[in-house]
Amino acid sequence: MRFRALVAVLGLLVACSTQAEVDETPRVEQVQPASLSAPHGLRFKVVDDGATVMKQLTEYVAIERERGVKAEVDRWRSESGTALTDFYLTANAPGTIHEFVLDAGEKDPDLLIPPDRELAFQQIESGLWRTYLVFPTAELDEASIARADVSFDPALAQPTVTVDFTPAAARQFSDLTARISGHKLAVLVDGTVVAAPVINGRIAGGRAQITVGPSPHVAADAAALAAALNAR
């Protein structure tokens, strides 16, 4: 299954369900290698948002201003009202951030990425890349997908790819989203983050909807994505 060519295609993931009693459908925002030699395929990984090491790295940026790396922070509130943060770094390439983090860790062991975490990267506006600190274990992967179909979303006025999880994966996804409610879930294709939504609660029903774009060939891209997911 060739996911690499699809990295630029994925844009917005919408978790959804066919069950009436399920929580309101949350919308997702828009993965570079979790390591620079990440395995291929589709992966769902939990983001360790608010991690101390990322906060310290953003503070270190203020000291090393000439390295081409900037510090940023996402802030949001969970449905219960808890304030949450996600500290991250941006630069013009993942390699620039990778080298910066390695250098920081050599100078101060407190700035080392823990062995039970890894950096993943996502391309954002203006061609920049940003970091996510994720847990290395994939909660779900391409084997979790039973079927993918192209449909048309009238609300978005464009084709979408609806993904149905296998029964076992649907239960895993439901339990996962309940467990990490209020936090981010990264969706990676070929090791690159294509989406990292804040999960607002349990998502049952075993279904996710992916919209392709931006692209001048949305219909063809949606068809290619569905074909790749079905050809695993």
Protein backbone atom coordinates (compact mmCIF):
# COMPACT_ATOMS: atom_id res chain seq x y z
CA MET A 1 0.00 0.00 0.00
CA ARG A 2 1.53 3.28 -1.11
CA PHE A 3 0.72 5.99 1.41
CA ARG A 4 3.68 8.28 0.71
CA ALA A 5 2.05 10.02 -2.28
CA LEU A 6 -1.06 10.61 -0.19
CA VAL A 7 0.59 12.67 2.55
CA ALA A 8 -0.17 15.96 0.79
CA VAL A 9 -3.71 14.84 0.05
CA LEU A 10 -5.07 14.45 3.55
CA GLY A 11 -6.47 17.59 5.10
CA LEU A 12 -9.37 17.28 7.53
CA LEU A 13 -10.44 14.27 9.50
CA VAL A 14 -13.93 14.16 11.00
CA ALA A 15 -14.71 11.44 13.49
CA CYS A 16 -18.30 10.36 13.03
CA SER A 17 -20.77 7.67 13.97
CA THR A 18 -23.96 6.11 12.76
CA GLN A 19 -25.22 5.56 16.30
CA ALA A 20 -27.71 8.13 17.56
CA GLU A 21 -26.52 7.99 21.16
CA VAL A 22 -22.91 8.82 20.34
CA ASP A 23 -21.33 12.13 21.39
CA GLU A 24 -21.46 15.09 19.03
CA THR A 25 -19.08 14.62 16.11
CA PRO A 26 -15.79 16.44 16.72
CA ARG A 27 -13.93 18.03 13.82
CA VAL A 28 -10.27 17.58 13.32
CA GLU A 29 -7.54 19.93 12.19
CA GLN A 30 -5.06 19.14 9.77
CA VAL A 31 2.54 13.64 10.24
CA GLN A 32 6.60 14.08 9.19
CA PRO A 33 8.50 11.23 10.50
CA ALA A 34 8.04 10.31 14.11
CA SER A 35 11.70 9.62 13.59
CA LEU A 36 13.53 10.53 10.40
CA SER A 37 13.28 6.88 9.35
CA ALA A 38 9.72 6.09 10.38
CA PRO A 39 7.89 3.01 9.05
CA HIS A 40 5.38 3.40 6.25
CA GLY A 41 1.64 3.10 6.61
CA LEU A 42 -1.22 4.55 8.60
CA ARG A 43 -0.84 5.09 12.34
CA PHE A 44 -2.96 6.64 15.10
CA LYS A 45 -0.78 7.84 18.02
CA VAL A 46 -1.64 9.71 21.21
CA VAL A 47 -0.05 13.15 21.61
CA ASP A 48 1.65 13.91 24.93
CA ASP A 49 0.45 17.50 24.89
CA GLY A 50 1.66 19.73 27.70
CA ALA A 51 4.83 17.66 28.26
CA THR A 52 7.45 19.35 30.42
CA VAL A 53 10.30 18.61 28.00
CA MET A 54 8.51 20.45 25.18
CA LYS A 55 7.87 23.44 27.42
CA GLN A 56 11.56 23.50 28.32
CA LEU A 57 12.57 23.23 24.65
CA THR A 58 10.39 26.21 23.76
CA GLU A 59 12.10 28.18 26.52
CA TYR A 60 15.50 27.10 25.18
CA VAL A 61 14.59 28.61 21.80
CA ALA A 62 14.82 32.06 23.39
CA ILE A 63 18.52 31.39 24.07
CA GLU A 64 19.34 29.95 20.63
CA ARG A 65 17.58 32.53 18.48
CA GLU A 66 19.73 32.14 15.38
CA ARG A 67 19.00 28.47 14.71
CA GLY A 68 15.90 29.01 12.55
CA VAL A 69 13.58 27.40 15.10
CA LYS A 70 10.64 29.16 16.73
CA ALA A 71 8.56 28.30 19.80
CA GLU A 72 4.77 28.15 19.71
CA VAL A 73 1.94 26.96 21.94
CA ASP A 74 -1.61 25.72 21.35
CA ARG A 75 -4.16 26.44 24.07
CA TRP A 76 -7.66 25.01 24.42
CA ARG A 77 -10.17 23.86 27.00
CA SER A 78 -11.66 20.42 27.38
CA GLU A 79 -15.43 20.04 27.49
CA SER A 80 -15.11 19.95 31.29
CA GLY A 81 -13.40 23.34 31.19
CA THR A 82 -9.86 22.18 31.95
CA ALA A 83 -7.21 24.43 30.38
CA LEU A 84 -4.74 22.46 28.23
CA THR A 85 -1.60 23.39 26.30
CA ASP A 86 0.61 21.89 23.62
CA PHE A 87 4.11 23.39 23.36
CA TYR A 88 5.77 22.90 19.98
CA LEU A 89 8.60 24.01 17.71
CA THR A 90 8.44 25.21 14.10
CA ALA A 91 11.06 25.53 11.35
CA ASN A 92 11.40 25.30 7.59
CA ALA A 93 12.27 21.58 7.69
CA PRO A 94 11.97 18.64 10.11
CA GLY A 95 15.73 18.15 9.93
CA THR A 96 16.31 21.65 11.27
CA ILE A 97 14.19 20.91 14.32
CA HIS A 98 15.71 17.46 14.73
CA GLU A 99 19.25 18.89 14.84
CA PHE A 100 18.19 21.66 17.20
CA VAL A 101 16.66 19.17 19.64
CA LEU A 102 19.72 16.88 19.51
CA ASP A 103 22.01 19.83 20.20
CA ALA A 104 19.83 21.02 23.08
CA GLY A 105 19.88 17.54 24.63
CA GLU A 106 23.67 17.41 24.44
CA LYS A 107 23.92 20.69 26.33
CA ASP A 108 21.24 19.90 28.91
CA PRO A 109 20.04 16.32 29.66
CA ASP A 110 16.69 17.74 30.80
CA LEU A 111 16.06 18.69 27.16
CA LEU A 112 16.46 15.14 25.87
CA ILE A 113 13.35 13.55 24.37
CA PRO A 114 12.47 10.66 26.73
CA PRO A 115 13.04 7.17 25.28
CA ASP A 116 9.33 6.42 25.66
CA ARG A 117 8.34 9.39 23.50
CA GLU A 118 9.13 10.50 19.96
CA LEU A 119 8.87 13.63 17.85
CA ALA A 120 6.49 13.62 14.92
CA PHE A 121 6.25 16.42 12.36
CA GLN A 122 3.46 18.07 10.38
CA GLN A 123 3.68 20.54 7.52
CA ILE A 124 1.65 23.65 8.24
CA GLU A 125 1.04 27.00 6.58
CA SER A 126 3.78 28.77 4.61
CA GLY A 127 5.66 25.51 4.18
CA LEU A 128 6.74 25.40 7.82
CA TRP A 129 6.86 22.22 9.89
CA ARG A 130 5.74 21.78 13.50
CA THR A 131 6.38 19.17 16.16
CA TYR A 132 4.15 16.84 18.13
CA LEU A 133 5.48 14.78 21.02
CA VAL A 134 3.75 11.42 20.68
CA PHE A 135 3.73 8.07 22.39
CA PRO A 136 5.52 5.62 20.04
CA THR A 137 2.89 2.88 20.25
CA ALA A 138 0.38 2.93 17.39
CA GLU A 139 -3.10 2.58 18.85
CA LEU A 140 -4.55 1.71 15.42
CA ASP A 141 -3.07 1.17 11.96
CA GLU A 142 -4.10 0.27 8.40
CA ALA A 143 -5.01 -3.26 9.53
CA SER A 144 -7.75 -1.62 11.61
CA ILE A 145 -9.61 -0.50 8.47
CA ALA A 146 -12.31 -2.76 7.08
CA ARG A 147 -13.35 -0.58 4.15
CA ALA A 148 -12.95 2.88 2.68
CA ASP A 149 -15.49 4.53 0.35
CA VAL A 150 -15.75 7.86 -1.44
CA SER A 151 -18.87 9.92 -0.83
CA PHE A 152 -19.90 13.56 -1.17
CA ASP A 153 -20.28 15.80 1.88
CA PRO A 154 -22.85 18.53 1.09
CA ALA A 155 -21.78 20.56 4.11
CA LEU A 156 -18.21 20.76 2.81
CA ALA A 157 -19.28 20.67 -0.86
CA GLN A 158 -16.57 18.16 -1.77
CA PRO A 159 -15.83 14.44 -1.87
CA THR A 160 -14.81 12.68 1.34
CA VAL A 161 -13.44 9.26 2.18
CA THR A 162 -15.43 7.38 4.81
CA VAL A 163 -13.37 4.82 6.69
CA ASP A 164 -15.03 1.93 8.52
CA PHE A 165 -12.97 0.24 11.21
CA THR A 166 -13.08 -3.50 11.79
CA PRO A 167 -15.31 -4.52 14.74
CA ALA A 168 -12.32 -5.00 17.02
CA ALA A 169 -10.75 -1.70 15.93
CA ALA A 170 -14.07 0.12 16.37
CA ARG A 171 -14.11 -0.95 20.02
CA GLN A 172 -10.48 0.10 20.39
CA PHE A 173 -11.20 3.50 18.83
CA SER A 174 -14.19 4.03 21.09
CA ASP A 175 -12.20 3.14 24.21
CA LEU A 176 -9.21 5.20 23.03
CA THR A 177 -11.21 8.36 22.43
CA ALA A 178 -12.88 8.02 25.83
CA ARG A 179 -9.48 7.56 27.52
CA ILE A 180 -7.80 10.58 25.91
CA SER A 181 -10.78 12.93 25.98
CA GLY A 182 -9.56 16.53 25.99
CA HIS A 183 -6.21 15.61 24.42
CA LYS A 184 -4.89 15.27 20.86
CA LEU A 185 -4.75 12.17 18.69
CA ALA A 186 -2.22 12.27 15.85
CA VAL A 187 -2.99 10.55 12.55
CA LEU A 188 0.19 9.69 10.65
CA VAL A 189 0.69 8.58 7.07
CA ASP A 190 4.17 7.32 6.22
CA GLY A 191 5.36 8.79 9.51
CA THR A 192 4.06 12.28 8.76
CA VAL A 193 1.27 13.88 10.81
CA VAL A 194 -1.69 14.75 8.62
CA ALA A 195 -4.14 15.43 11.43
CA ALA A 196 -3.99 15.94 15.19
CA PRO A 197 -7.47 16.69 16.50
CA VAL A 198 -8.46 17.41 20.07
CA ILE A 199 -10.74 14.52 21.04
CA ASN A 200 -13.74 15.83 22.97
CA GLY A 201 -15.16 12.51 24.14
CA ARG A 202 -15.90 8.91 23.27
CA ILE A 203 -16.44 8.34 19.54
CA ALA A 204 -18.41 5.19 18.90
CA GLY A 205 -19.78 3.73 15.68
CA GLY A 206 -16.46 2.64 14.20
CA ARG A 207 -16.30 5.25 11.47
CA ALA A 208 -14.11 8.21 10.51
CA GLN A 209 -14.46 10.62 7.63
CA ILE A 210 -11.46 12.09 5.83
CA THR A 211 -11.72 15.05 3.48
CA VAL A 212 -8.98 15.53 0.92
CA GLY A 213 -7.51 18.87 0.07
CA PRO A 214 -6.65 21.49 -0.62
CA SER A 215 -6.15 20.10 -4.12
CA PRO A 216 -7.23 20.97 -7.69
CA HIS A 217 -7.99 17.29 -8.21
CA VAL A 218 -10.07 16.54 -5.12
CA ALA A 219 -12.22 13.81 -6.67
CA ALA A 220 -9.22 11.92 -8.07
CA ASP A 221 -7.32 12.32 -4.81
CA ALA A 222 -10.25 10.99 -2.78
CA ALA A 223 -10.53 7.99 -5.08
CA ALA A 224 -6.76 7.34 -4.83
CA LEU A 225 -6.88 7.50 -1.04
CA ALA A 226 -9.81 5.10 -0.79
CA ALA A 227 -8.10 2.70 -3.22
CA ALA A 228 -4.88 2.77 -1.19
CA LEU A 229 -6.72 2.10 2.07
CA ASN A 230 -8.65 -0.78 0.49
CA ALA A 231 -5.47 -2.27 -1.01
CA ARG A 232 -3.65 -2.81 2.28
